[in-house]
Amino acid sequence: TAEALATCCMPTTWSLSPQQQEFEERMRTAFLGITALGVFVYLLRFLRPVLLPLLLALALKHLLQPIIHCLTVRPLVCCGRVLLAQPLACKSTECRGKRRQAFCDSALR
């Protein structure tokens, strides 16, 4: 009876075969992927009011970047003529200060 009691109360250890371990790891990976996908979809739906304007702004920035670059590079050469070689603003006598002139030059670049 002591042996029966010892075998009855001893914790059993489970061991998996290599095929079972591989299957369990693959199933765990698949379920974690499905869970991550579900969380990602939920976050996309929850953050839709924020993400839509952000994505539109990024798309417009990338679409307009060549035009902005073309218009900000000086001097602007068009049809063989040099245009906007010097800033148009701050040419009056009141803008003689170096800081203000530098600000106007950089603002009109």
Protein backbone atom coordinates (compact mmCIF):
# COMPACT_ATOMS: atom_id res chain seq x y z
CA THR A 1 0.00 0.00 0.00
CA ALA A 2 2.92 2.37 0.60
CA GLU A 3 4.07 1.88 -2.99
CA ALA A 4 0.57 2.53 -4.30
CA LEU A 5 0.35 5.67 -2.23
CA ALA A 6 3.77 6.85 -3.42
CA THR A 7 2.90 6.31 -7.09
CA CYS A 8 -0.51 7.89 -6.65
CA CYS A 9 0.74 11.11 -5.06
CA MET A 10 3.93 11.58 -7.11
CA PRO A 11 3.74 14.32 -9.69
CA THR A 12 3.77 13.04 -13.18
CA THR A 13 6.09 14.52 -15.73
CA TRP A 14 4.92 14.97 -19.24
CA SER A 15 7.39 14.75 -22.03
CA LEU A 16 6.61 15.46 -25.63
CA SER A 17 8.17 13.80 -28.60
CA PRO A 18 10.19 16.01 -30.97
CA GLN A 19 7.33 15.98 -33.49
CA GLN A 20 4.86 17.06 -30.81
CA GLN A 21 7.19 19.84 -29.63
CA GLU A 22 7.58 21.12 -33.17
CA PHE A 23 3.80 21.02 -33.71
CA GLU A 24 3.19 22.84 -30.42
CA GLU A 25 5.71 25.58 -31.31
CA ARG A 26 4.13 26.06 -34.73
CA MET A 27 0.63 26.27 -33.25
CA ARG A 28 1.80 28.75 -30.60
CA THR A 29 3.42 30.89 -33.31
CA ALA A 30 0.28 30.77 -35.45
CA PHE A 31 -2.03 31.74 -32.58
CA LEU A 32 0.29 34.59 -31.52
CA GLY A 33 0.28 35.84 -35.11
CA ILE A 34 -3.52 35.69 -35.28
CA THR A 35 -3.78 37.54 -31.95
CA ALA A 36 -1.30 40.22 -33.08
CA LEU A 37 -3.24 40.66 -36.32
CA GLY A 38 -6.49 41.08 -34.38
CA VAL A 39 -4.94 43.69 -32.08
CA PHE A 40 -3.50 45.53 -35.11
CA VAL A 41 -6.89 45.60 -36.86
CA TYR A 42 -8.57 46.84 -33.68
CA LEU A 43 -5.99 49.63 -33.30
CA LEU A 44 -6.44 50.65 -36.93
CA ARG A 45 -10.19 50.89 -36.47
CA PHE A 46 -9.82 52.74 -33.16
CA LEU A 47 -7.25 55.24 -34.51
CA ARG A 48 -8.92 55.79 -37.90
CA PRO A 49 -9.96 59.41 -37.17
CA VAL A 50 -6.33 60.27 -36.38
CA LEU A 51 -4.55 58.19 -38.99
CA LEU A 52 -6.57 59.31 -42.01
CA PRO A 53 -5.57 63.01 -41.85
CA LEU A 54 -2.00 62.02 -40.98
CA LEU A 55 -1.69 59.74 -43.99
CA LEU A 56 -3.25 62.35 -46.27
CA ALA A 57 -0.80 64.97 -45.01
CA LEU A 58 2.15 62.66 -45.59
CA ALA A 59 0.95 61.81 -49.09
CA LEU A 60 0.47 65.49 -49.97
CA LYS A 61 3.90 66.33 -48.57
CA HIS A 62 5.56 63.73 -50.77
CA LEU A 63 3.52 64.71 -53.82
CA LEU A 64 4.24 68.42 -53.43
CA GLN A 65 7.91 68.10 -52.44
CA PRO A 66 9.29 68.45 -56.02
CA ILE A 67 7.21 71.58 -56.64
CA ILE A 68 8.29 73.13 -53.34
CA HIS A 69 11.92 72.33 -54.05
CA CYS A 70 11.69 73.81 -57.55
CA LEU A 71 10.16 77.04 -56.28
CA THR A 72 12.56 77.49 -53.34
CA VAL A 73 15.85 77.03 -55.21
CA ARG A 74 17.36 80.36 -56.26
CA PRO A 75 18.08 81.61 -58.81
CA LEU A 76 15.09 80.31 -60.71
CA VAL A 77 15.98 79.77 -64.36
CA CYS A 78 13.04 79.76 -66.75
CA CYS A 79 13.33 79.90 -70.56
CA GLY A 80 16.93 81.08 -70.33
CA ARG A 81 16.09 83.98 -68.01
CA VAL A 82 17.25 84.20 -64.42
CA LEU A 83 14.37 85.04 -62.09
CA LEU A 84 14.28 85.74 -58.36
CA ALA A 85 18.04 85.89 -57.98
CA GLN A 86 17.65 88.29 -55.03
CA PRO A 87 14.89 88.37 -52.40
CA LEU A 88 12.13 90.84 -53.23
CA ALA A 89 11.34 91.81 -49.64
CA CYS A 90 13.42 93.88 -47.20
CA LYS A 91 14.88 96.17 -49.82
CA SER A 92 13.66 99.30 -48.09
CA THR A 93 15.85 101.42 -45.81
CA GLU A 94 14.14 100.18 -42.64
CA CYS A 95 15.50 96.64 -43.01
CA ARG A 96 19.17 97.47 -42.81
CA GLY A 97 19.81 95.42 -39.67
CA LYS A 98 21.85 92.25 -40.22
CA ARG A 99 19.52 90.03 -38.22
CA ARG A 100 16.37 91.25 -39.91
CA GLN A 101 17.98 91.03 -43.36
CA ALA A 102 19.20 87.50 -42.62
CA PHE A 103 15.71 86.57 -41.42
CA CYS A 104 14.10 87.99 -44.56
CA ASP A 105 16.64 86.27 -46.80
CA SER A 106 16.07 82.90 -45.13
CA ALA A 107 12.28 83.34 -45.07
CA LEU A 108 12.18 83.98 -48.80
CA ARG A 109 14.44 81.11 -49.73
